Amino acid sequence: MTWSSVRVWPDAGARDAVTQVLFDHGCEALHDDGPSVVTCFPENAVSSLRLSLERAAPGARIEVTPVPDVDWSERWKDQLRSHQIGALTIAPPWLATPGAIVIEPAMAFGTGDHPTTRAMLDLLQDVILPGDFIADLGAGSAILSIAAAKLGAGRVAAIEIDTQAIGNAEENVHRNAVEDRVQVIQGDAGVLLPLLAPVRVILANIISSVLVDLLPAMDAALTPDGAMILSGMLRAERAHMRSVLDATGWTLEKETTDAEWWSASFHRARRA
């Protein structure tokens, strides 16, 4: 169906009459734009509408312009783009190039468009070693788990508590052909980590309050030479988070900021 924008400038006293005509002809929403009112109608309904408006408000100025034929179910895709982050390229399926990590946008968090995801993808490239066992807490779309596998991790547990995210994570793992290394697990990270231990690297892009609660479980689950990469923390929370992490024996390895977000990697001194 082709649509037209209909804008009407009523004379003084005729505004109510114009509004009534528009609604009588099937208008579902009307924008009051100062001296004019504007709405949209199917193109085939404009002629009869114009006649009714001219009868109800003879002095009104009427402007009809075509509305571009847009498939709004596809237009949202224009807002997404591919991202080059170090050695990694992240892209939605319609922008993917050979070798890219392909993520289907869905309700699950993690397409590469959010600063915290990009920071995690950047930081993990300095941490992942060939054959590593990785735990990805709050995996969302599984983007970080897939990236870890592409960077050489031997085994990745993508832990996600949100039922709605599990299907998207599994689809992305399959789409990127890393099923042999990445396992999507639904459940509470605090409960599952002790069952998975020992792991060498923990990834966690989660709000700061949850990160603090998980610190003891993360510490206990890591190998003696283990590392963790954290994001989801605000720049304004950096001092507080540093004090908590310093007090519990973590050493800052590398940090980065993007917009209002702070992300960092940490390690423990080698333990016996």
Protein backbone atom coordinates (compact mmCIF):
# COMPACT_ATOMS: atom_id res chain seq x y z
CA MET A 1 0.00 0.00 0.00
CA THR A 2 1.27 3.47 -0.93
CA TRP A 3 0.87 6.19 1.69
CA SER A 4 0.73 9.99 1.61
CA SER A 5 1.44 12.57 4.25
CA VAL A 6 -1.46 14.99 4.68
CA ARG A 7 -0.70 18.33 6.34
CA VAL A 8 -3.46 20.87 6.92
CA TRP A 9 -3.20 24.53 8.00
CA PRO A 10 -6.72 25.36 9.27
CA ASP A 11 -8.02 28.90 9.53
CA ALA A 12 -8.82 30.24 12.99
CA GLY A 13 -11.81 28.44 14.42
CA ALA A 14 -11.70 25.56 11.93
CA ARG A 15 -9.11 23.38 13.69
CA ASP A 16 -11.66 21.22 15.49
CA ALA A 17 -13.62 20.69 12.27
CA VAL A 18 -10.46 19.61 10.42
CA THR A 19 -9.49 17.23 13.21
CA GLN A 20 -12.96 15.69 13.17
CA VAL A 21 -12.82 15.14 9.39
CA LEU A 22 -9.43 13.45 9.66
CA PHE A 23 -10.63 11.04 12.33
CA ASP A 24 -13.92 10.40 10.51
CA HIS A 25 -11.87 9.28 7.49
CA GLY A 26 -9.90 6.78 9.56
CA CYS A 27 -6.98 8.73 10.96
CA GLU A 28 -5.43 6.74 13.81
CA ALA A 29 -2.80 9.26 14.95
CA LEU A 30 -2.53 13.01 14.48
CA HIS A 31 0.53 15.18 15.07
CA ASP A 32 -0.19 18.76 16.19
CA ASP A 33 2.68 20.68 14.59
CA GLY A 34 2.10 24.30 15.61
CA PRO A 35 -0.15 25.99 13.05
CA SER A 36 -0.65 22.75 11.13
CA VAL A 37 -1.77 19.19 11.80
CA VAL A 38 -0.27 16.22 9.98
CA THR A 39 -1.08 12.56 9.55
CA CYS A 40 -0.81 9.80 6.94
CA PHE A 41 -3.44 8.20 4.71
CA PRO A 42 -3.41 5.54 2.01
CA GLU A 43 -2.91 7.26 -1.34
CA ASN A 44 -6.24 5.98 -2.68
CA ALA A 45 -8.11 7.69 0.18
CA VAL A 46 -6.62 11.17 -0.28
CA SER A 47 -9.04 12.51 -2.96
CA SER A 48 -12.19 11.98 -0.91
CA LEU A 49 -10.41 13.26 2.21
CA ARG A 50 -9.41 16.46 0.43
CA LEU A 51 -13.02 17.09 -0.67
CA SER A 52 -14.27 16.63 2.89
CA LEU A 53 -11.59 18.96 4.26
CA GLU A 54 -12.42 21.67 1.69
CA ARG A 55 -16.10 21.48 2.65
CA ALA A 56 -15.42 21.57 6.40
CA ALA A 57 -12.71 24.27 6.26
CA PRO A 58 -12.86 26.17 2.94
CA GLY A 59 -9.91 28.41 3.77
CA ALA A 60 -7.54 25.67 4.91
CA ARG A 61 -4.29 25.02 3.06
CA ILE A 62 -3.76 21.33 2.34
CA GLU A 63 -0.43 19.78 1.41
CA VAL A 64 -0.17 16.15 0.27
CA THR A 65 3.25 14.54 -0.22
CA PRO A 66 4.20 10.93 -0.93
CA VAL A 67 5.62 8.90 1.92
CA PRO A 68 8.67 6.83 0.87
CA ASP A 69 7.88 3.15 0.50
CA VAL A 70 9.81 1.75 3.44
CA ASP A 71 9.80 -1.80 4.77
CA TRP A 72 10.11 -0.95 8.45
CA SER A 73 10.64 -4.62 9.28
CA GLU A 74 13.97 -4.27 7.43
CA ARG A 75 14.84 -0.60 8.01
CA TRP A 76 16.04 -1.24 11.60
CA LYS A 77 18.95 -3.19 10.12
CA ASP A 78 20.40 0.07 8.81
CA GLN A 79 21.31 0.96 12.41
CA LEU A 80 23.65 -2.02 12.78
CA ARG A 81 27.14 -2.27 11.35
CA SER A 82 30.17 -4.50 11.42
CA HIS A 83 32.99 -3.88 13.93
CA GLN A 84 36.70 -4.48 13.55
CA ILE A 85 38.22 -5.02 17.00
CA GLY A 86 41.83 -6.06 16.84
CA ALA A 87 41.99 -9.38 15.02
CA LEU A 88 38.23 -9.88 15.28
CA THR A 89 35.46 -8.77 12.94
CA ILE A 90 31.91 -8.86 14.31
CA ALA A 91 28.96 -8.51 11.92
CA PRO A 92 25.26 -9.27 11.51
CA PRO A 93 24.53 -11.91 8.85
CA TRP A 94 23.74 -9.40 6.08
CA LEU A 95 27.10 -7.62 6.51
CA ALA A 96 29.30 -10.63 7.22
CA THR A 97 32.54 -11.19 5.34
CA PRO A 98 34.63 -14.37 5.33
CA GLY A 99 36.20 -14.95 8.72
CA ALA A 100 33.83 -12.64 10.61
CA ILE A 101 32.05 -13.65 13.79
CA VAL A 102 28.41 -13.60 12.73
CA ILE A 103 25.86 -12.58 15.37
CA GLU A 104 22.14 -12.57 14.67
CA PRO A 105 20.62 -9.57 16.51
CA ALA A 106 17.91 -10.71 18.90
CA MET A 107 16.75 -10.07 22.43
CA ALA A 108 20.01 -11.51 23.81
CA PHE A 109 22.63 -8.89 24.69
CA GLY A 110 25.80 -8.78 22.62
CA THR A 111 26.07 -7.68 18.98
CA GLY A 112 29.29 -5.69 19.21
CA ASP A 113 27.42 -2.39 19.18
CA HIS A 114 27.61 -1.77 22.93
CA PRO A 115 30.82 -0.27 24.38
CA THR A 116 31.10 -2.96 27.08
CA THR A 117 30.99 -5.76 24.50
CA ARG A 118 33.63 -4.07 22.36
CA ALA A 119 35.85 -3.56 25.41
CA MET A 120 35.59 -7.23 26.34
CA LEU A 121 36.46 -8.28 22.79
CA ASP A 122 39.50 -6.02 22.87
CA LEU A 123 40.76 -7.12 26.28
CA LEU A 124 40.34 -10.86 25.80
CA GLN A 125 42.74 -10.81 22.83
CA ASP A 126 45.61 -10.18 25.27
CA VAL A 127 44.50 -12.90 27.68
CA ILE A 128 43.32 -15.99 25.77
CA LEU A 129 45.96 -18.71 25.30
CA PRO A 130 45.70 -21.75 23.01
CA GLY A 131 43.75 -24.55 24.67
CA ASP A 132 42.33 -22.39 27.49
CA PHE A 133 39.22 -23.40 29.39
CA ILE A 134 36.99 -20.30 29.58
CA ALA A 135 33.85 -19.52 31.58
CA ASP A 136 31.69 -16.76 30.07
CA LEU A 137 29.27 -15.52 32.73
CA GLY A 138 26.07 -13.90 31.48
CA ALA A 139 26.90 -15.02 27.95
CA GLY A 140 23.88 -13.40 26.27
CA SER A 141 24.28 -13.91 22.52
CA ALA A 142 27.49 -15.94 23.20
CA ILE A 143 29.55 -13.39 21.28
CA LEU A 144 32.42 -13.49 23.80
CA SER A 145 32.39 -17.29 23.96
CA ILE A 146 32.57 -17.51 20.17
CA ALA A 147 35.38 -14.94 20.08
CA ALA A 148 37.32 -16.90 22.71
CA ALA A 149 36.98 -20.08 20.65
CA LYS A 150 38.09 -18.26 17.49
CA LEU A 151 41.15 -17.00 19.38
CA GLY A 152 42.20 -20.52 20.31
CA ALA A 153 40.37 -21.48 23.50
CA GLY A 154 39.97 -25.24 23.72
CA ARG A 155 36.74 -25.22 25.73
CA VAL A 156 34.25 -22.49 26.59
CA ALA A 157 31.28 -22.69 28.97
CA ALA A 158 28.77 -20.00 27.95
CA ILE A 159 26.64 -19.59 31.09
CA GLU A 160 23.35 -17.71 30.79
CA ILE A 161 20.44 -17.63 33.23
CA ASP A 162 17.93 -15.95 30.87
CA THR A 163 15.80 -18.57 29.14
CA GLN A 164 15.03 -16.23 26.24
CA ALA A 165 18.72 -15.79 25.44
CA ILE A 166 19.60 -19.49 25.27
CA GLY A 167 18.15 -20.14 21.81
CA ASN A 168 19.93 -17.15 20.29
CA ALA A 169 23.22 -18.17 21.89
CA GLU A 170 22.94 -21.73 20.57
CA GLU A 171 22.08 -20.47 17.08
CA ASN A 172 25.10 -18.16 17.06
CA VAL A 173 27.40 -20.94 18.24
CA HIS A 174 26.15 -23.14 15.41
CA ARG A 175 26.32 -20.30 12.86
CA ASN A 176 29.99 -19.77 13.69
CA ALA A 177 30.84 -23.49 13.66
CA VAL A 178 32.28 -23.61 17.18
CA GLU A 179 29.95 -26.26 18.65
CA ASP A 180 32.97 -28.48 19.30
CA ARG A 181 34.41 -25.91 21.72
CA VAL A 182 31.51 -23.82 23.06
CA GLN A 183 28.78 -25.26 25.26
CA VAL A 184 25.80 -23.08 26.16
CA ILE A 185 24.64 -23.80 29.72
CA GLN A 186 21.54 -22.34 31.33
CA GLY A 187 21.84 -21.60 35.02
CA ASP A 188 23.18 -19.43 37.81
CA ALA A 189 26.88 -18.62 37.40
CA GLY A 190 27.47 -18.67 41.15
CA VAL A 191 26.15 -22.22 41.32
CA LEU A 192 27.76 -23.52 38.14
CA LEU A 193 31.28 -22.10 38.53
CA PRO A 194 32.33 -24.49 41.32
CA LEU A 195 31.15 -27.40 39.15
CA LEU A 196 33.23 -26.21 36.19
CA ALA A 197 36.42 -25.38 38.10
CA PRO A 198 39.24 -25.08 37.45
CA VAL A 199 39.04 -22.59 34.57
CA ARG A 200 41.89 -20.36 33.42
CA VAL A 201 39.89 -17.33 32.26
CA ILE A 202 36.55 -15.92 33.38
CA LEU A 203 34.67 -13.39 31.24
CA ALA A 204 31.91 -11.38 32.91
CA ASN A 205 30.08 -8.45 31.31
CA ILE A 206 27.60 -7.91 34.14
CA ILE A 207 26.55 -5.00 36.37
CA SER A 208 28.99 -4.15 39.15
CA SER A 209 26.83 -5.31 42.07
CA VAL A 210 26.58 -8.80 40.59
CA LEU A 211 30.30 -8.84 39.83
CA VAL A 212 31.11 -8.07 43.45
CA ASP A 213 28.82 -10.87 44.64
CA LEU A 214 30.49 -13.31 42.23
CA LEU A 215 34.10 -12.45 43.13
CA PRO A 216 34.54 -15.23 45.73
CA ALA A 217 33.18 -17.86 43.32
CA MET A 218 35.36 -16.55 40.50
CA ASP A 219 38.45 -16.58 42.69
CA ALA A 220 37.81 -20.14 43.82
CA ALA A 221 37.17 -21.37 40.26
CA LEU A 222 40.32 -19.97 38.64
CA THR A 223 43.56 -21.87 38.06
CA PRO A 224 46.65 -20.52 39.89
CA ASP A 225 47.64 -18.51 36.81
CA GLY A 226 44.05 -17.53 36.03
CA ALA A 227 42.70 -14.20 34.83
CA MET A 228 39.34 -12.50 34.66
CA ILE A 229 38.00 -9.82 32.35
CA LEU A 230 35.22 -7.65 33.72
CA SER A 231 32.90 -5.12 32.12
CA GLY A 232 29.47 -3.64 32.70
CA MET A 233 30.95 -1.20 35.23
CA LEU A 234 30.45 2.56 34.99
CA ARG A 235 33.44 4.89 34.93
CA ALA A 236 31.98 6.49 38.04
CA GLU A 237 32.24 3.11 39.77
CA ARG A 238 35.92 2.61 38.96
CA ALA A 239 37.31 3.82 42.31
CA HIS A 240 34.89 1.68 44.28
CA MET A 241 35.51 -1.40 42.16
CA ARG A 242 39.28 -0.92 42.33
CA SER A 243 39.12 -0.72 46.11
CA VAL A 244 37.06 -3.92 46.31
CA LEU A 245 39.33 -5.78 43.89
CA ASP A 246 42.55 -4.51 45.46
CA ALA A 247 41.33 -5.50 48.91
CA THR A 248 40.59 -9.04 47.74
CA GLY A 249 43.97 -9.55 46.11
CA TRP A 250 43.36 -8.86 42.43
CA THR A 251 45.98 -7.12 40.30
CA LEU A 252 44.89 -4.82 37.48
CA GLU A 253 46.42 -5.94 34.20
CA LYS A 254 44.82 -3.61 31.64
CA GLU A 255 41.88 -1.21 31.59
CA THR A 256 39.88 0.70 29.01
CA THR A 257 37.04 3.22 28.96
CA ASP A 258 34.40 3.89 26.33
CA ALA A 259 31.72 6.52 26.87
CA GLU A 260 30.57 6.07 30.49
CA TRP A 261 31.81 2.47 30.79
CA TRP A 262 34.95 1.05 32.43
CA SER A 263 36.31 -2.42 31.64
CA ALA A 264 39.44 -4.20 32.86
CA SER A 265 41.39 -7.44 33.05
CA PHE A 266 42.83 -8.77 36.31
CA HIS A 267 45.04 -11.60 37.47
CA ARG A 268 46.11 -13.20 40.72
CA ALA A 269 49.69 -13.72 41.74
CA ARG A 270 50.59 -17.32 40.97
CA ARG A 271 49.26 -19.53 43.71
CA ALA A 272 50.57 -22.88 44.87
